[in-house]
Amino acid sequence: MKRSYFGVISLCAILFMDIVFMQLLVHQYFHQNYKIVLLFMFCNIILFPIALYIYKQEINKGGQSHEKK
């Protein structure tokens, strides 16, 4: 399967941002800044479906897929 560099790099960047937001969320929760916790949680909720969409697009670009269509 051939992958595009843009798709793989953007997927890695979004998943990295998910990890960073989760770390910030836990840190702010520990310090009881609940408004900021809700902001980071919202960012995680928005970024994860975007990552799934990019993943589905990359899977469909290849010739043979490991998933059944």
PDB file of N, CA and C in Angstrom:
ATOM      1  N   MET A   1       0.836  -1.179   0.000  1.00  0.00           N
ATOM      2  CA  MET A   1       0.000   0.000   0.000  1.00  0.00           C
ATOM      3  C   MET A   1       0.879   1.240   0.000  1.00  0.00           C
ATOM      4  N   LYS A   2       0.514   2.141  -0.827  1.00  0.00           N
ATOM      5  CA  LYS A   2       1.274   3.379  -0.905  1.00  0.00           C
ATOM      6  C   LYS A   2       0.568   4.447  -0.089  1.00  0.00           C
ATOM      7  N   ARG A   3       1.312   5.110   0.754  1.00  0.00           N
ATOM      8  CA  ARG A   3       0.771   6.159   1.602  1.00  0.00           C
ATOM      9  C   ARG A   3       1.348   7.504   1.164  1.00  0.00           C
ATOM     10  N   SER A   4       0.573   8.549   1.382  1.00  0.00           N
ATOM     11  CA  SER A   4       1.083   9.888   1.083  1.00  0.00           C
ATOM     12  C   SER A   4       1.806  10.422   2.313  1.00  0.00           C
ATOM     13  N   TYR A   5       2.849  11.168   2.065  1.00  0.00           N
ATOM     14  CA  TYR A   5       3.599  11.750   3.177  1.00  0.00           C
ATOM     15  C   TYR A   5       2.738  12.733   3.950  1.00  0.00           C
ATOM     16  N   PHE A   6       1.915  13.498   3.244  1.00  0.00           N
ATOM     17  CA  PHE A   6       1.070  14.485   3.913  1.00  0.00           C
ATOM     18  C   PHE A   6       0.097  13.808   4.873  1.00  0.00           C
ATOM     19  N   GLY A   7      -0.510  12.716   4.468  1.00  0.00           N
ATOM     20  CA  GLY A   7      -1.467  12.015   5.324  1.00  0.00           C
ATOM     21  C   GLY A   7      -0.821  11.434   6.563  1.00  0.00           C
ATOM     22  N   VAL A   8       0.326  10.823   6.388  1.00  0.00           N
ATOM     23  CA  VAL A   8       1.010  10.200   7.525  1.00  0.00           C
ATOM     24  C   VAL A   8       1.522  11.263   8.496  1.00  0.00           C
ATOM     25  N   ILE A   9       2.109  12.324   7.969  1.00  0.00           N
ATOM     26  CA  ILE A   9       2.638  13.376   8.832  1.00  0.00           C
ATOM     27  C   ILE A   9       1.511  14.103   9.550  1.00  0.00           C
ATOM     28  N   SER A  10       0.419  14.373   8.857  1.00  0.00           N
ATOM     29  CA  SER A  10      -0.703  15.054   9.518  1.00  0.00           C
ATOM     30  C   SER A  10      -1.341  14.159  10.574  1.00  0.00           C
ATOM     31  N   LEU A  11      -1.432  12.861  10.317  1.00  0.00           N
ATOM     32  CA  LEU A  11      -1.966  11.942  11.315  1.00  0.00           C
ATOM     33  C   LEU A  11      -1.063  11.893  12.543  1.00  0.00           C
ATOM     34  N   CYS A  12       0.233  11.850  12.333  1.00  0.00           N
ATOM     35  CA  CYS A  12       1.174  11.865  13.461  1.00  0.00           C
ATOM     36  C   CYS A  12       1.074  13.166  14.250  1.00  0.00           C
ATOM     37  N   ALA A  13       0.942  14.286  13.559  1.00  0.00           N
ATOM     38  CA  ALA A  13       0.846  15.584  14.237  1.00  0.00           C
ATOM     39  C   ALA A  13      -0.431  15.685  15.069  1.00  0.00           C
ATOM     40  N   ILE A  14      -1.543  15.211  14.525  1.00  0.00           N
ATOM     41  CA  ILE A  14      -2.797  15.279  15.269  1.00  0.00           C
ATOM     42  C   ILE A  14      -2.762  14.363  16.480  1.00  0.00           C
ATOM     43  N   LEU A  15      -2.239  13.160  16.333  1.00  0.00           N
ATOM     44  CA  LEU A  15      -2.153  12.255  17.473  1.00  0.00           C
ATOM     45  C   LEU A  15      -1.163  12.771  18.523  1.00  0.00           C
ATOM     46  N   PHE A  16      -0.104  13.439  18.084  1.00  0.00           N
ATOM     47  CA  PHE A  16       0.818  14.059  19.028  1.00  0.00           C
ATOM     48  C   PHE A  16       0.126  15.172  19.807  1.00  0.00           C
ATOM     49  N   MET A  17      -0.690  15.979  19.108  1.00  0.00           N
ATOM     50  CA  MET A  17      -1.430  17.034  19.797  1.00  0.00           C
ATOM     51  C   MET A  17      -2.430  16.442  20.790  1.00  0.00           C
ATOM     52  N   ASP A  18      -3.023  15.283  20.451  1.00  0.00           N
ATOM     53  CA  ASP A  18      -3.908  14.602  21.402  1.00  0.00           C
ATOM     54  C   ASP A  18      -3.163  14.241  22.682  1.00  0.00           C
ATOM     55  N   ILE A  19      -1.956  13.731  22.540  1.00  0.00           N
ATOM     56  CA  ILE A  19      -1.155  13.353  23.710  1.00  0.00           C
ATOM     57  C   ILE A  19      -0.807  14.585  24.541  1.00  0.00           C
ATOM     58  N   VAL A  20      -0.408  15.665  23.869  1.00  0.00           N
ATOM     59  CA  VAL A  20      -0.046  16.892  24.580  1.00  0.00           C
ATOM     60  C   VAL A  20      -1.248  17.460  25.321  1.00  0.00           C
ATOM     61  N   PHE A  21      -2.400  17.517  24.657  1.00  0.00           N
ATOM     62  CA  PHE A  21      -3.600  18.036  25.324  1.00  0.00           C
ATOM     63  C   PHE A  21      -3.999  17.169  26.505  1.00  0.00           C
ATOM     64  N   MET A  22      -3.820  15.854  26.392  1.00  0.00           N
ATOM     65  CA  MET A  22      -4.164  14.975  27.511  1.00  0.00           C
ATOM     66  C   MET A  22      -3.229  15.221  28.698  1.00  0.00           C
ATOM     67  N   GLN A  23      -1.950  15.420  28.431  1.00  0.00           N
ATOM     68  CA  GLN A  23      -1.011  15.719  29.511  1.00  0.00           C
ATOM     69  C   GLN A  23      -1.359  17.047  30.182  1.00  0.00           C
ATOM     70  N   LEU A  24      -1.681  18.055  29.380  1.00  0.00           N
ATOM     71  CA  LEU A  24      -2.067  19.347  29.941  1.00  0.00           C
ATOM     72  C   LEU A  24      -3.371  19.240  30.728  1.00  0.00           C
ATOM     73  N   LEU A  25      -4.288  18.422  30.243  1.00  0.00           N
ATOM     74  CA  LEU A  25      -5.556  18.216  30.935  1.00  0.00           C
ATOM     75  C   LEU A  25      -5.329  17.622  32.316  1.00  0.00           C
ATOM     76  N   VAL A  26      -4.505  16.599  32.385  1.00  0.00           N
ATOM     77  CA  VAL A  26      -4.226  15.961  33.676  1.00  0.00           C
ATOM     78  C   VAL A  26      -3.520  16.931  34.611  1.00  0.00           C
ATOM     79  N   HIS A  27      -2.589  17.702  34.088  1.00  0.00           N
ATOM     80  CA  HIS A  27      -1.863  18.668  34.906  1.00  0.00           C
ATOM     81  C   HIS A  27      -2.810  19.730  35.472  1.00  0.00           C
ATOM     82  N   GLN A  28      -3.689  20.246  34.633  1.00  0.00           N
ATOM     83  CA  GLN A  28      -4.614  21.279  35.095  1.00  0.00           C
ATOM     84  C   GLN A  28      -5.667  20.708  36.042  1.00  0.00           C
ATOM     85  N   TYR A  29      -6.056  19.464  35.828  1.00  0.00           N
ATOM     86  CA  TYR A  29      -6.997  18.830  36.740  1.00  0.00           C
ATOM     87  C   TYR A  29      -6.381  18.691  38.137  1.00  0.00           C
ATOM     88  N   PHE A  30      -5.106  18.369  38.174  1.00  0.00           N
ATOM     89  CA  PHE A  30      -4.408  18.248  39.453  1.00  0.00           C
ATOM     90  C   PHE A  30      -4.399  19.585  40.191  1.00  0.00           C
ATOM     91  N   HIS A  31      -4.288  20.687  39.434  1.00  0.00           N
ATOM     92  CA  HIS A  31      -4.275  22.022  40.044  1.00  0.00           C
ATOM     93  C   HIS A  31      -5.668  22.642  40.155  1.00  0.00           C
ATOM     94  N   GLN A  32      -6.700  21.871  39.861  1.00  0.00           N
ATOM     95  CA  GLN A  32      -8.107  22.246  40.012  1.00  0.00           C
ATOM     96  C   GLN A  32      -8.500  23.466  39.176  1.00  0.00           C
ATOM     97  N   ASN A  33      -7.975  23.557  37.975  1.00  0.00           N
ATOM     98  CA  ASN A  33      -8.391  24.585  37.009  1.00  0.00           C
ATOM     99  C   ASN A  33      -9.391  23.938  36.049  1.00  0.00           C
ATOM    100  N   TYR A  34     -10.634  23.833  36.475  1.00  0.00           N
ATOM    101  CA  TYR A  34     -11.603  23.012  35.757  1.00  0.00           C
ATOM    102  C   TYR A  34     -12.063  23.632  34.444  1.00  0.00           C
ATOM    103  N   LYS A  35     -12.043  24.940  34.317  1.00  0.00           N
ATOM    104  CA  LYS A  35     -12.420  25.559  33.040  1.00  0.00           C
ATOM    105  C   LYS A  35     -11.399  25.217  31.957  1.00  0.00           C
ATOM    106  N   ILE A  36     -10.137  25.221  32.324  1.00  0.00           N
ATOM    107  CA  ILE A  36      -9.083  24.866  31.365  1.00  0.00           C
ATOM    108  C   ILE A  36      -9.141  23.374  31.050  1.00  0.00           C
ATOM    109  N   VAL A  37      -9.505  22.569  32.038  1.00  0.00           N
ATOM    110  CA  VAL A  37      -9.662  21.126  31.813  1.00  0.00           C
ATOM    111  C   VAL A  37     -10.734  20.885  30.755  1.00  0.00           C
ATOM    112  N   LEU A  38     -11.844  21.598  30.848  1.00  0.00           N
ATOM    113  CA  LEU A  38     -12.907  21.448  29.861  1.00  0.00           C
ATOM    114  C   LEU A  38     -12.454  21.880  28.475  1.00  0.00           C
ATOM    115  N   LEU A  39     -11.624  22.906  28.400  1.00  0.00           N
ATOM    116  CA  LEU A  39     -11.097  23.355  27.115  1.00  0.00           C
ATOM    117  C   LEU A  39     -10.210  22.286  26.478  1.00  0.00           C
ATOM    118  N   PHE A  40      -9.294  21.708  27.255  1.00  0.00           N
ATOM    119  CA  PHE A  40      -8.420  20.660  26.722  1.00  0.00           C
ATOM    120  C   PHE A  40      -9.204  19.399  26.372  1.00  0.00           C
ATOM    121  N   MET A  41     -10.250  19.094  27.145  1.00  0.00           N
ATOM    122  CA  MET A  41     -11.084  17.942  26.839  1.00  0.00           C
ATOM    123  C   MET A  41     -11.821  18.165  25.516  1.00  0.00           C
ATOM    124  N   PHE A  42     -12.317  19.379  25.308  1.00  0.00           N
ATOM    125  CA  PHE A  42     -12.981  19.703  24.054  1.00  0.00           C
ATOM    126  C   PHE A  42     -12.011  19.566  22.874  1.00  0.00           C
ATOM    127  N   CYS A  43     -10.779  20.012  23.048  1.00  0.00           N
ATOM    128  CA  CYS A  43      -9.774  19.873  21.985  1.00  0.00           C
ATOM    129  C   CYS A  43      -9.516  18.412  21.659  1.00  0.00           C
ATOM    130  N   ASN A  44      -9.433  17.562  22.677  1.00  0.00           N
ATOM    131  CA  ASN A  44      -9.244  16.131  22.442  1.00  0.00           C
ATOM    132  C   ASN A  44     -10.434  15.523  21.717  1.00  0.00           C
ATOM    133  N   ILE A  45     -11.631  15.929  22.102  1.00  0.00           N
ATOM    134  CA  ILE A  45     -12.835  15.388  21.463  1.00  0.00           C
ATOM    135  C   ILE A  45     -12.910  15.802  20.002  1.00  0.00           C
ATOM    136  N   ILE A  46     -12.440  16.981  19.672  1.00  0.00           N
ATOM    137  CA  ILE A  46     -12.457  17.451  18.286  1.00  0.00           C
ATOM    138  C   ILE A  46     -11.352  16.780  17.460  1.00  0.00           C
ATOM    139  N   LEU A  47     -10.165  16.618  18.027  1.00  0.00           N
ATOM    140  CA  LEU A  47      -9.035  16.101  17.254  1.00  0.00           C
ATOM    141  C   LEU A  47      -9.131  14.609  16.950  1.00  0.00           C
ATOM    142  N   PHE A  48      -9.710  13.834  17.838  1.00  0.00           N
ATOM    143  CA  PHE A  48      -9.729  12.382  17.613  1.00  0.00           C
ATOM    144  C   PHE A  48     -10.537  11.981  16.375  1.00  0.00           C
ATOM    145  N   PRO A  49     -11.748  12.519  16.152  1.00  0.00           N
ATOM    146  CA  PRO A  49     -12.451  12.160  14.905  1.00  0.00           C
ATOM    147  C   PRO A  49     -11.729  12.642  13.647  1.00  0.00           C
ATOM    148  N   ILE A  50     -11.008  13.750  13.755  1.00  0.00           N
ATOM    149  CA  ILE A  50     -10.220  14.211  12.605  1.00  0.00           C
ATOM    150  C   ILE A  50      -9.134  13.189  12.279  1.00  0.00           C
ATOM    151  N   ALA A  51      -8.498  12.650  13.313  1.00  0.00           N
ATOM    152  CA  ALA A  51      -7.476  11.620  13.105  1.00  0.00           C
ATOM    153  C   ALA A  51      -8.091  10.358  12.492  1.00  0.00           C
ATOM    154  N   LEU A  52      -9.264   9.974  12.939  1.00  0.00           N
ATOM    155  CA  LEU A  52      -9.932   8.808  12.347  1.00  0.00           C
ATOM    156  C   LEU A  52     -10.271   9.044  10.881  1.00  0.00           C
ATOM    157  N   TYR A  53     -10.706  10.258  10.551  1.00  0.00           N
ATOM    158  CA  TYR A  53     -11.019  10.588   9.162  1.00  0.00           C
ATOM    159  C   TYR A  53      -9.765  10.496   8.279  1.00  0.00           C
ATOM    160  N   ILE A  54      -8.670  11.041   8.747  1.00  0.00           N
ATOM    161  CA  ILE A  54      -7.423  10.973   7.970  1.00  0.00           C
ATOM    162  C   ILE A  54      -6.979   9.525   7.813  1.00  0.00           C
ATOM    163  N   TYR A  55      -7.124   8.728   8.871  1.00  0.00           N
ATOM    164  CA  TYR A  55      -6.756   7.317   8.802  1.00  0.00           C
ATOM    165  C   TYR A  55      -7.598   6.586   7.760  1.00  0.00           C
ATOM    166  N   LYS A  56      -8.904   6.825   7.745  1.00  0.00           N
ATOM    167  CA  LYS A  56      -9.784   6.174   6.762  1.00  0.00           C
ATOM    168  C   LYS A  56      -9.402   6.590   5.345  1.00  0.00           C
ATOM    169  N   GLN A  57      -9.055   7.863   5.166  1.00  0.00           N
ATOM    170  CA  GLN A  57      -8.645   8.327   3.842  1.00  0.00           C
ATOM    171  C   GLN A  57      -7.349   7.649   3.397  1.00  0.00           C
ATOM    172  N   GLU A  58      -6.418   7.463   4.305  1.00  0.00           N
ATOM    173  CA  GLU A  58      -5.157   6.805   3.966  1.00  0.00           C
ATOM    174  C   GLU A  58      -5.359   5.323   3.668  1.00  0.00           C
ATOM    175  N   ILE A  59      -6.257   4.676   4.385  1.00  0.00           N
ATOM    176  CA  ILE A  59      -6.545   3.259   4.118  1.00  0.00           C
ATOM    177  C   ILE A  59      -7.143   3.099   2.730  1.00  0.00           C
ATOM    178  N   ASN A  60      -8.046   3.998   2.347  1.00  0.00           N
ATOM    179  CA  ASN A  60      -8.723   3.884   1.060  1.00  0.00           C
ATOM    180  C   ASN A  60      -7.828   4.252  -0.115  1.00  0.00           C
ATOM    181  N   LYS A  61      -6.699   4.909   0.110  1.00  0.00           N
ATOM    182  CA  LYS A  61      -5.792   5.264  -0.978  1.00  0.00           C
ATOM    183  C   LYS A  61      -5.027   4.059  -1.506  1.00  0.00           C
ATOM    184  N   GLY A  62      -4.766   3.079  -0.648  1.00  0.00           N
ATOM    185  CA  GLY A  62      -3.978   1.925  -1.045  1.00  0.00           C
ATOM    186  C   GLY A  62      -4.777   0.963  -1.915  1.00  0.00           C
ATOM    187  N   GLY A  63      -4.058   0.065  -2.589  1.00  0.00           N
ATOM    188  CA  GLY A  63      -4.708  -0.915  -3.446  1.00  0.00           C
ATOM    189  C   GLY A  63      -5.356  -2.030  -2.658  1.00  0.00           C
ATOM    190  N   GLN A  64      -4.575  -2.773  -1.928  1.00  0.00           N
ATOM    191  CA  GLN A  64      -5.070  -3.860  -1.082  1.00  0.00           C
ATOM    192  C   GLN A  64      -5.167  -3.372   0.337  1.00  0.00           C
ATOM    193  N   SER A  65      -6.271  -3.621   0.990  1.00  0.00           N
ATOM    194  CA  SER A  65      -6.472  -3.168   2.351  1.00  0.00           C
ATOM    195  C   SER A  65      -6.639  -4.361   3.270  1.00  0.00           C
ATOM    196  N   HIS A  66      -6.232  -4.211   4.527  1.00  0.00           N
ATOM    197  CA  HIS A  66      -6.412  -5.279   5.493  1.00  0.00           C
ATOM    198  C   HIS A  66      -7.810  -5.285   6.073  1.00  0.00           C
ATOM    199  N   GLU A  67      -8.584  -4.218   5.819  1.00  0.00           N
ATOM    200  CA  GLU A  67      -9.952  -4.151   6.304  1.00  0.00           C
ATOM    201  C   GLU A  67     -10.918  -4.565   5.214  1.00  0.00           C
ATOM    202  N   LYS A  68     -11.980  -5.203   5.596  1.00  0.00           N
ATOM    203  CA  LYS A  68     -13.025  -5.577   4.634  1.00  0.00           C
ATOM    204  C   LYS A  68     -13.896  -4.362   4.353  1.00  0.00           C
ATOM    205  N   LYS A  69     -14.213  -4.170   3.091  1.00  0.00           N
ATOM    206  CA  LYS A  69     -15.070  -3.021   2.719  1.00  0.00           C
ATOM    207  C   LYS A  69     -16.487  -3.471   2.493  1.00  0.00           C
TER     208      LYS A  69
END
